[in-house]
Amino acid sequence: DVIYAFLTFHNGKFVNWTCTTMQSRDNGHTW
């Protein structure tokens, strides 16, 4: 019952490309 979203961050050219995971325990209202 936890939602996980996998995000990529970059500089606008897919450089300085890093990753993180977002988690929501309230059906995606807050992360």
Full PDB file with SEQRES, HELIX, SHEET, SSBOND, CRYST1, ORIGX, SCALE, CONECT and MASTER records, all heavy atoms in Angstrom:
SEQRES   1 A   31  ASP VAL ILE TYR ALA PHE LEU THR PHE HIS ASN GLY LYS          
SEQRES   2 A   31  PHE VAL ASN TRP THR CYS THR THR MET GLN SER ARG ASP          
SEQRES   3 A   31  ASN GLY HIS THR TRP                                          
SHEET    1 AA1 2 ILE A   3  PHE A   9  0                                        
SHEET    2 AA1 2 THR A  18  SER A  24 -1                                        
CRYST1    1.000    1.000    1.000  90.00  90.00  90.00 P 1           1          
ORIGX1      1.000000  0.000000  0.000000        0.00000                         
ORIGX2      0.000000  1.000000  0.000000        0.00000                         
ORIGX3      0.000000  0.000000  1.000000        0.00000                         
SCALE1      1.000000  0.000000  0.000000        0.00000                         
SCALE2      0.000000  1.000000  0.000000        0.00000                         
SCALE3      0.000000  0.000000  1.000000        0.00000                         
ATOM      1  N   ASP A   1       0.803  -1.231   0.000  1.00  0.00           N  
ATOM      2  CA  ASP A   1       0.000   0.000   0.000  1.00  0.00           C  
ATOM      3  C   ASP A   1       0.831   1.273   0.000  1.00  0.00           C  
ATOM      4  O   ASP A   1       0.310   2.369   0.260  1.00  0.00           O  
ATOM      5  CB  ASP A   1      -0.966   0.027   1.196  1.00  0.00           C  
ATOM      6  CG  ASP A   1      -2.107  -0.969   1.037  1.00  0.00           C  
ATOM      7  OD1 ASP A   1      -2.348  -1.408  -0.109  1.00  0.00           O  
ATOM      8  OD2 ASP A   1      -2.743  -1.298   2.046  1.00  0.00           O  
ATOM      9  N   VAL A   2       2.111   1.167  -0.293  1.00  0.00           N  
ATOM     10  CA  VAL A   2       2.976   2.329  -0.454  1.00  0.00           C  
ATOM     11  C   VAL A   2       3.287   2.473  -1.938  1.00  0.00           C  
ATOM     12  O   VAL A   2       3.558   1.474  -2.628  1.00  0.00           O  
ATOM     13  CB  VAL A   2       4.279   2.188   0.348  1.00  0.00           C  
ATOM     14  CG1 VAL A   2       5.180   3.409   0.146  1.00  0.00           C  
ATOM     15  CG2 VAL A   2       3.970   1.999   1.831  1.00  0.00           C  
ATOM     16  N   ILE A   3       3.230   3.701  -2.460  1.00  0.00           N  
ATOM     17  CA  ILE A   3       3.534   3.965  -3.865  1.00  0.00           C  
ATOM     18  C   ILE A   3       4.963   4.479  -3.971  1.00  0.00           C  
ATOM     19  O   ILE A   3       5.355   5.400  -3.250  1.00  0.00           O  
ATOM     20  CB  ILE A   3       2.564   5.001  -4.458  1.00  0.00           C  
ATOM     21  CG1 ILE A   3       1.110   4.578  -4.230  1.00  0.00           C  
ATOM     22  CG2 ILE A   3       2.837   5.185  -5.950  1.00  0.00           C  
ATOM     23  CD1 ILE A   3       0.103   5.630  -4.667  1.00  0.00           C  
ATOM     24  N   TYR A   4       5.728   3.885  -4.876  1.00  0.00           N  
ATOM     25  CA  TYR A   4       7.106   4.302  -5.118  1.00  0.00           C  
ATOM     26  C   TYR A   4       7.222   4.825  -6.542  1.00  0.00           C  
ATOM     27  O   TYR A   4       6.766   4.176  -7.493  1.00  0.00           O  
ATOM     28  CB  TYR A   4       8.077   3.129  -4.923  1.00  0.00           C  
ATOM     29  CG  TYR A   4       8.094   2.592  -3.516  1.00  0.00           C  
ATOM     30  CD1 TYR A   4       7.235   1.553  -3.137  1.00  0.00           C  
ATOM     31  CD2 TYR A   4       8.951   3.113  -2.557  1.00  0.00           C  
ATOM     32  CE1 TYR A   4       7.240   1.052  -1.845  1.00  0.00           C  
ATOM     33  CE2 TYR A   4       8.969   2.621  -1.254  1.00  0.00           C  
ATOM     34  CZ  TYR A   4       8.101   1.593  -0.911  1.00  0.00           C  
ATOM     35  OH  TYR A   4       8.107   1.099   0.376  1.00  0.00           O  
ATOM     36  N   ALA A   5       7.801   5.992  -6.682  1.00  0.00           N  
ATOM     37  CA  ALA A   5       8.042   6.590  -7.996  1.00  0.00           C  
ATOM     38  C   ALA A   5       9.542   6.792  -8.163  1.00  0.00           C  
ATOM     39  O   ALA A   5      10.221   7.307  -7.267  1.00  0.00           O  
ATOM     40  CB  ALA A   5       7.320   7.918  -8.134  1.00  0.00           C  
ATOM     41  N   PHE A   6      10.068   6.395  -9.321  1.00  0.00           N  
ATOM     42  CA  PHE A   6      11.500   6.446  -9.582  1.00  0.00           C  
ATOM     43  C   PHE A   6      11.790   7.601 -10.536  1.00  0.00           C  
ATOM     44  O   PHE A   6      11.322   7.608 -11.682  1.00  0.00           O  
ATOM     45  CB  PHE A   6      11.973   5.105 -10.137  1.00  0.00           C  
ATOM     46  CG  PHE A   6      11.796   3.992  -9.153  1.00  0.00           C  
ATOM     47  CD1 PHE A   6      10.598   3.309  -9.055  1.00  0.00           C  
ATOM     48  CD2 PHE A   6      12.823   3.661  -8.282  1.00  0.00           C  
ATOM     49  CE1 PHE A   6      10.419   2.306  -8.126  1.00  0.00           C  
ATOM     50  CE2 PHE A   6      12.655   2.654  -7.337  1.00  0.00           C  
ATOM     51  CZ  PHE A   6      11.451   1.974  -7.258  1.00  0.00           C  
ATOM     52  N   LEU A   7      12.539   8.567 -10.036  1.00  0.00           N  
ATOM     53  CA  LEU A   7      12.794   9.795 -10.765  1.00  0.00           C  
ATOM     54  C   LEU A   7      14.253   9.911 -11.168  1.00  0.00           C  
ATOM     55  O   LEU A   7      15.150   9.425 -10.483  1.00  0.00           O  
ATOM     56  CB  LEU A   7      12.428  11.018  -9.916  1.00  0.00           C  
ATOM     57  CG  LEU A   7      11.014  11.117  -9.361  1.00  0.00           C  
ATOM     58  CD1 LEU A   7      10.828  12.469  -8.679  1.00  0.00           C  
ATOM     59  CD2 LEU A   7       9.965  10.906 -10.436  1.00  0.00           C  
ATOM     60  N   THR A   8      14.466  10.588 -12.280  1.00  0.00           N  
ATOM     61  CA  THR A   8      15.786  10.967 -12.768  1.00  0.00           C  
ATOM     62  C   THR A   8      15.881  12.486 -12.752  1.00  0.00           C  
ATOM     63  O   THR A   8      14.950  13.173 -13.166  1.00  0.00           O  
ATOM     64  CB  THR A   8      15.992  10.448 -14.200  1.00  0.00           C  
ATOM     65  OG1 THR A   8      16.054   9.026 -14.185  1.00  0.00           O  
ATOM     66  CG2 THR A   8      17.273  10.996 -14.810  1.00  0.00           C  
ATOM     67  N   PHE A   9      17.020  12.993 -12.290  1.00  0.00           N  
ATOM     68  CA  PHE A   9      17.317  14.423 -12.366  1.00  0.00           C  
ATOM     69  C   PHE A   9      18.459  14.636 -13.349  1.00  0.00           C  
ATOM     70  O   PHE A   9      19.389  13.811 -13.431  1.00  0.00           O  
ATOM     71  CB  PHE A   9      17.737  14.977 -11.002  1.00  0.00           C  
ATOM     72  CG  PHE A   9      16.706  14.809  -9.935  1.00  0.00           C  
ATOM     73  CD1 PHE A   9      16.894  13.910  -8.897  1.00  0.00           C  
ATOM     74  CD2 PHE A   9      15.538  15.555  -9.950  1.00  0.00           C  
ATOM     75  CE1 PHE A   9      15.948  13.755  -7.908  1.00  0.00           C  
ATOM     76  CE2 PHE A   9      14.580  15.415  -8.964  1.00  0.00           C  
ATOM     77  CZ  PHE A   9      14.787  14.504  -7.938  1.00  0.00           C  
ATOM     78  N   HIS A  10      18.418  15.748 -14.085  1.00  0.00           N  
ATOM     79  CA  HIS A  10      19.516  16.064 -15.003  1.00  0.00           C  
ATOM     80  C   HIS A  10      19.528  17.561 -15.278  1.00  0.00           C  
ATOM     81  O   HIS A  10      18.682  18.315 -14.767  1.00  0.00           O  
ATOM     82  CB  HIS A  10      19.402  15.236 -16.287  1.00  0.00           C  
ATOM     83  CG  HIS A  10      18.140  15.457 -17.061  1.00  0.00           C  
ATOM     84  ND1 HIS A  10      18.026  16.397 -18.070  1.00  0.00           N  
ATOM     85  CD2 HIS A  10      16.911  14.858 -16.987  1.00  0.00           C  
ATOM     86  CE1 HIS A  10      16.812  16.362 -18.578  1.00  0.00           C  
ATOM     87  NE2 HIS A  10      16.103  15.440 -17.944  1.00  0.00           N  
ATOM     88  N   ASN A  11      20.477  18.002 -16.086  1.00  0.00           N  
ATOM     89  CA  ASN A  11      20.665  19.440 -16.335  1.00  0.00           C  
ATOM     90  C   ASN A  11      19.904  19.948 -17.547  1.00  0.00           C  
ATOM     91  O   ASN A  11      20.129  21.070 -17.988  1.00  0.00           O  
ATOM     92  CB  ASN A  11      22.158  19.747 -16.490  1.00  0.00           C  
ATOM     93  CG  ASN A  11      22.749  19.138 -17.765  1.00  0.00           C  
ATOM     94  OD1 ASN A  11      22.093  18.333 -18.441  1.00  0.00           O  
ATOM     95  ND2 ASN A  11      23.977  19.508 -18.089  1.00  0.00           N  
ATOM     96  N   GLY A  12      19.043  19.124 -18.091  1.00  0.00           N  
ATOM     97  CA  GLY A  12      18.312  19.496 -19.302  1.00  0.00           C  
ATOM     98  C   GLY A  12      18.865  18.841 -20.540  1.00  0.00           C  
ATOM     99  O   GLY A  12      18.284  18.965 -21.626  1.00  0.00           O  
ATOM    100  N   LYS A  13      19.991  18.110 -20.379  1.00  0.00           N  
ATOM    101  CA  LYS A  13      20.598  17.405 -21.506  1.00  0.00           C  
ATOM    102  C   LYS A  13      20.930  15.959 -21.120  1.00  0.00           C  
ATOM    103  O   LYS A  13      21.761  15.323 -21.752  1.00  0.00           O  
ATOM    104  CB  LYS A  13      21.863  18.137 -21.963  1.00  0.00           C  
ATOM    105  CG  LYS A  13      21.580  19.537 -22.505  1.00  0.00           C  
ATOM    106  CD  LYS A  13      22.827  20.194 -23.085  1.00  0.00           C  
ATOM    107  CE  LYS A  13      22.461  21.535 -23.729  1.00  0.00           C  
ATOM    108  NZ  LYS A  13      23.619  22.188 -24.371  1.00  0.00           N  
ATOM    109  N   PHE A  14      20.277  15.450 -20.092  1.00  0.00           N  
ATOM    110  CA  PHE A  14      20.582  14.134 -19.535  1.00  0.00           C  
ATOM    111  C   PHE A  14      22.058  14.020 -19.162  1.00  0.00           C  
ATOM    112  O   PHE A  14      22.694  12.981 -19.351  1.00  0.00           O  
ATOM    113  CB  PHE A  14      20.149  13.007 -20.471  1.00  0.00           C  
ATOM    114  CG  PHE A  14      18.675  12.719 -20.434  1.00  0.00           C  
ATOM    115  CD1 PHE A  14      17.908  12.843 -21.576  1.00  0.00           C  
ATOM    116  CD2 PHE A  14      18.045  12.364 -19.251  1.00  0.00           C  
ATOM    117  CE1 PHE A  14      16.534  12.602 -21.544  1.00  0.00           C  
ATOM    118  CE2 PHE A  14      16.678  12.122 -19.205  1.00  0.00           C  
ATOM    119  CZ  PHE A  14      15.921  12.234 -20.352  1.00  0.00           C  
ATOM    120  N   VAL A  15      22.607  15.090 -18.624  1.00  0.00           N  
ATOM    121  CA  VAL A  15      23.947  15.125 -18.058  1.00  0.00           C  
ATOM    122  C   VAL A  15      23.800  15.551 -16.602  1.00  0.00           C  
ATOM    123  O   VAL A  15      22.804  16.171 -16.228  1.00  0.00           O  
ATOM    124  CB  VAL A  15      24.862  16.083 -18.850  1.00  0.00           C  
ATOM    125  CG1 VAL A  15      26.225  16.241 -18.196  1.00  0.00           C  
ATOM    126  CG2 VAL A  15      25.032  15.569 -20.287  1.00  0.00           C  
ATOM    127  N   ASN A  16      24.820  15.207 -15.767  1.00  0.00           N  
ATOM    128  CA  ASN A  16      24.639  15.296 -14.311  1.00  0.00           C  
ATOM    129  C   ASN A  16      23.416  14.488 -13.902  1.00  0.00           C  
ATOM    130  O   ASN A  16      22.613  14.890 -13.063  1.00  0.00           O  
ATOM    131  CB  ASN A  16      24.495  16.742 -13.837  1.00  0.00           C  
ATOM    132  CG  ASN A  16      25.827  17.437 -13.675  1.00  0.00           C  
ATOM    133  OD1 ASN A  16      26.885  16.789 -13.626  1.00  0.00           O  
ATOM    134  ND2 ASN A  16      25.812  18.756 -13.599  1.00  0.00           N  
ATOM    135  N   TRP A  17      23.288  13.320 -14.515  1.00  0.00           N  
ATOM    136  CA  TRP A  17      22.131  12.442 -14.387  1.00  0.00           C  
ATOM    137  C   TRP A  17      22.229  11.662 -13.081  1.00  0.00           C  
ATOM    138  O   TRP A  17      23.117  10.851 -12.895  1.00  0.00           O  
ATOM    139  CB  TRP A  17      22.120  11.538 -15.605  1.00  0.00           C  
ATOM    140  CG  TRP A  17      21.148  10.419 -15.696  1.00  0.00           C  
ATOM    141  CD1 TRP A  17      20.432   9.820 -14.714  1.00  0.00           C  
ATOM    142  CD2 TRP A  17      20.802   9.736 -16.910  1.00  0.00           C  
ATOM    143  NE1 TRP A  17      19.670   8.802 -15.217  1.00  0.00           N  
ATOM    144  CE2 TRP A  17      19.878   8.735 -16.561  1.00  0.00           C  
ATOM    145  CE3 TRP A  17      21.192   9.866 -18.239  1.00  0.00           C  
ATOM    146  CZ2 TRP A  17      19.336   7.862 -17.503  1.00  0.00           C  
ATOM    147  CZ3 TRP A  17      20.652   9.000 -19.186  1.00  0.00           C  
ATOM    148  CH2 TRP A  17      19.732   8.015 -18.819  1.00  0.00           C  
ATOM    149  N   THR A  18      21.314  11.924 -12.160  1.00  0.00           N  
ATOM    150  CA  THR A  18      21.237  11.209 -10.899  1.00  0.00           C  
ATOM    151  C   THR A  18      19.822  10.680 -10.710  1.00  0.00           C  
ATOM    152  O   THR A  18      18.902  11.041 -11.456  1.00  0.00           O  
ATOM    153  CB  THR A  18      21.614  12.120  -9.710  1.00  0.00           C  
ATOM    154  OG1 THR A  18      20.707  13.227  -9.654  1.00  0.00           O  
ATOM    155  CG2 THR A  18      23.045  12.636  -9.856  1.00  0.00           C  
ATOM    156  N   CYS A  19      19.639   9.834  -9.705  1.00  0.00           N  
ATOM    157  CA  CYS A  19      18.357   9.172  -9.507  1.00  0.00           C  
ATOM    158  C   CYS A  19      17.899   9.310  -8.056  1.00  0.00           C  
ATOM    159  O   CYS A  19      18.720   9.431  -7.144  1.00  0.00           O  
ATOM    160  CB  CYS A  19      18.459   7.685  -9.851  1.00  0.00           C  
ATOM    161  SG  CYS A  19      19.124   7.326 -11.492  1.00  0.00           S  
ATOM    162  N   THR A  20      16.599   9.264  -7.851  1.00  0.00           N  
ATOM    163  CA  THR A  20      16.054   9.195  -6.504  1.00  0.00           C  
ATOM    164  C   THR A  20      14.740   8.425  -6.536  1.00  0.00           C  
ATOM    165  O   THR A  20      14.186   8.134  -7.612  1.00  0.00           O  
ATOM    166  CB  THR A  20      15.840  10.592  -5.891  1.00  0.00           C  
ATOM    167  OG1 THR A  20      15.755  10.470  -4.462  1.00  0.00           O  
ATOM    168  CG2 THR A  20      14.579  11.259  -6.411  1.00  0.00           C  
ATOM    169  N   THR A  21      14.247   8.121  -5.335  1.00  0.00           N  
ATOM    170  CA  THR A  21      12.987   7.406  -5.182  1.00  0.00           C  
ATOM    171  C   THR A  21      12.044   8.257  -4.344  1.00  0.00           C  
ATOM    172  O   THR A  21      12.426   8.746  -3.273  1.00  0.00           O  
ATOM    173  CB  THR A  21      13.198   6.060  -4.476  1.00  0.00           C  
ATOM    174  OG1 THR A  21      14.264   5.348  -5.103  1.00  0.00           O  
ATOM    175  CG2 THR A  21      11.923   5.219  -4.525  1.00  0.00           C  
ATOM    176  N   MET A  22      10.837   8.451  -4.835  1.00  0.00           N  
ATOM    177  CA  MET A  22       9.799   9.160  -4.084  1.00  0.00           C  
ATOM    178  C   MET A  22       8.825   8.124  -3.522  1.00  0.00           C  
ATOM    179  O   MET A  22       8.532   7.114  -4.167  1.00  0.00           O  
ATOM    180  CB  MET A  22       9.067  10.149  -4.978  1.00  0.00           C  
ATOM    181  CG  MET A  22       9.948  11.196  -5.625  1.00  0.00           C  
ATOM    182  SD  MET A  22      10.741  12.297  -4.457  1.00  0.00           S  
ATOM    183  CE  MET A  22       9.325  13.220  -3.851  1.00  0.00           C  
ATOM    184  N   GLN A  23       8.316   8.407  -2.328  1.00  0.00           N  
ATOM    185  CA  GLN A  23       7.416   7.488  -1.643  1.00  0.00           C  
ATOM    186  C   GLN A  23       6.159   8.222  -1.198  1.00  0.00           C  
ATOM    187  O   GLN A  23       6.236   9.337  -0.685  1.00  0.00           O  
ATOM    188  CB  GLN A  23       8.134   6.904  -0.433  1.00  0.00           C  
ATOM    189  CG  GLN A  23       7.287   6.052   0.490  1.00  0.00           C  
ATOM    190  CD  GLN A  23       8.077   5.610   1.702  1.00  0.00           C  
ATOM    191  OE1 GLN A  23       8.808   4.626   1.637  1.00  0.00           O  
ATOM    192  NE2 GLN A  23       7.960   6.334   2.799  1.00  0.00           N  
ATOM    193  N   SER A  24       5.010   7.580  -1.415  1.00  0.00           N  
ATOM    194  CA  SER A  24       3.745   8.152  -0.944  1.00  0.00           C  
ATOM    195  C   SER A  24       2.984   7.105  -0.142  1.00  0.00           C  
ATOM    196  O   SER A  24       2.793   5.973  -0.606  1.00  0.00           O  
ATOM    197  CB  SER A  24       2.880   8.612  -2.122  1.00  0.00           C  
ATOM    198  OG  SER A  24       1.628   9.092  -1.651  1.00  0.00           O  
ATOM    199  N   ARG A  25       2.543   7.503   1.040  1.00  0.00           N  
ATOM    200  CA  ARG A  25       1.752   6.629   1.905  1.00  0.00           C  
ATOM    201  C   ARG A  25       0.290   7.069   1.978  1.00  0.00           C  
ATOM    202  O   ARG A  25      -0.473   6.531   2.777  1.00  0.00           O  
ATOM    203  CB  ARG A  25       2.362   6.580   3.308  1.00  0.00           C  
ATOM    204  CG  ARG A  25       3.763   5.959   3.343  1.00  0.00           C  
ATOM    205  CD  ARG A  25       4.315   5.882   4.757  1.00  0.00           C  
ATOM    206  NE  ARG A  25       5.605   5.206   4.788  1.00  0.00           N  
ATOM    207  CZ  ARG A  25       5.770   3.886   4.886  1.00  0.00           C  
ATOM    208  NH1 ARG A  25       4.700   3.106   4.972  1.00  0.00           N  
ATOM    209  NH2 ARG A  25       6.962   3.346   4.906  1.00  0.00           N  
ATOM    210  N   ASP A  26      -0.075   8.072   1.169  1.00  0.00           N  
ATOM    211  CA  ASP A  26      -1.453   8.582   1.199  1.00  0.00           C  
ATOM    212  C   ASP A  26      -2.053   8.631  -0.204  1.00  0.00           C  
ATOM    213  O   ASP A  26      -2.686   9.589  -0.593  1.00  0.00           O  
ATOM    214  CB  ASP A  26      -1.511   9.949   1.870  1.00  0.00           C  
ATOM    215  CG  ASP A  26      -0.668  11.001   1.165  1.00  0.00           C  
ATOM    216  OD1 ASP A  26      -0.055  10.681   0.118  1.00  0.00           O  
ATOM    217  OD2 ASP A  26      -0.623  12.142   1.643  1.00  0.00           O  
ATOM    218  N   ASN A  27      -1.828   7.542  -0.968  1.00  0.00           N  
ATOM    219  CA  ASN A  27      -2.438   7.389  -2.295  1.00  0.00           C  
ATOM    220  C   ASN A  27      -1.983   8.450  -3.293  1.00  0.00           C  
ATOM    221  O   ASN A  27      -2.725   8.836  -4.191  1.00  0.00           O  
ATOM    222  CB  ASN A  27      -3.962   7.384  -2.189  1.00  0.00           C  
ATOM    223  CG  ASN A  27      -4.482   6.213  -1.378  1.00  0.00           C  
ATOM    224  OD1 ASN A  27      -4.464   5.078  -1.834  1.00  0.00           O  
ATOM    225  ND2 ASN A  27      -4.912   6.482  -0.156  1.00  0.00           N  
ATOM    226  N   GLY A  28      -0.739   8.925  -3.126  1.00  0.00           N  
ATOM    227  CA  GLY A  28      -0.157   9.836  -4.101  1.00  0.00           C  
ATOM    228  C   GLY A  28      -0.471  11.296  -3.884  1.00  0.00           C  
ATOM    229  O   GLY A  28      -0.103  12.125  -4.715  1.00  0.00           O  
ATOM    230  N   HIS A  29      -1.101  11.652  -2.777  1.00  0.00           N  
ATOM    231  CA  HIS A  29      -1.390  13.059  -2.512  1.00  0.00           C  
ATOM    232  C   HIS A  29      -0.126  13.820  -2.111  1.00  0.00           C  
ATOM    233  O   HIS A  29       0.089  14.950  -2.551  1.00  0.00           O  
ATOM    234  CB  HIS A  29      -2.459  13.194  -1.425  1.00  0.00           C  
ATOM    235  CG  HIS A  29      -3.829  12.789  -1.875  1.00  0.00           C  
ATOM    236  ND1 HIS A  29      -4.626  13.585  -2.675  1.00  0.00           N  
ATOM    237  CD2 HIS A  29      -4.538  11.648  -1.641  1.00  0.00           C  
ATOM    238  CE1 HIS A  29      -5.776  12.963  -2.912  1.00  0.00           C  
ATOM    239  NE2 HIS A  29      -5.746  11.793  -2.302  1.00  0.00           N  
ATOM    240  N   THR A  30       0.699  13.198  -1.266  1.00  0.00           N  
ATOM    241  CA  THR A  30       1.966  13.807  -0.862  1.00  0.00           C  
ATOM    242  C   THR A  30       3.089  12.802  -1.057  1.00  0.00           C  
ATOM    243  O   THR A  30       2.875  11.584  -1.016  1.00  0.00           O  
ATOM    244  CB  THR A  30       1.942  14.266   0.605  1.00  0.00           C  
ATOM    245  OG1 THR A  30       1.732  13.128   1.466  1.00  0.00           O  
ATOM    246  CG2 THR A  30       0.837  15.292   0.834  1.00  0.00           C  
ATOM    247  N   TRP A  31       4.303  13.350  -1.252  1.00  0.00           N  
ATOM    248  CA  TRP A  31       5.449  12.503  -1.602  1.00  0.00           C  
ATOM    249  C   TRP A  31       6.649  12.876  -0.753  1.00  0.00           C  
ATOM    250  O   TRP A  31       6.877  14.046  -0.450  1.00  0.00           O  
ATOM    251  CB  TRP A  31       5.803  12.666  -3.080  1.00  0.00           C  
ATOM    252  CG  TRP A  31       4.732  12.201  -4.009  1.00  0.00           C  
ATOM    253  CD1 TRP A  31       3.655  12.922  -4.438  1.00  0.00           C  
ATOM    254  CD2 TRP A  31       4.608  10.905  -4.592  1.00  0.00           C  
ATOM    255  NE1 TRP A  31       2.873  12.155  -5.273  1.00  0.00           N  
ATOM    256  CE2 TRP A  31       3.435  10.914  -5.387  1.00  0.00           C  
ATOM    257  CE3 TRP A  31       5.376   9.743  -4.544  1.00  0.00           C  
ATOM    258  CZ2 TRP A  31       3.014   9.801  -6.122  1.00  0.00           C  
ATOM    259  CZ3 TRP A  31       4.967   8.640  -5.272  1.00  0.00           C  
ATOM    260  CH2 TRP A  31       3.796   8.666  -6.045  1.00  0.00           C  
TER     261      TRP A  31                                                      
MASTER        0    0    0    0    2    0    0    6  260    1    0    3          
END                                                                             
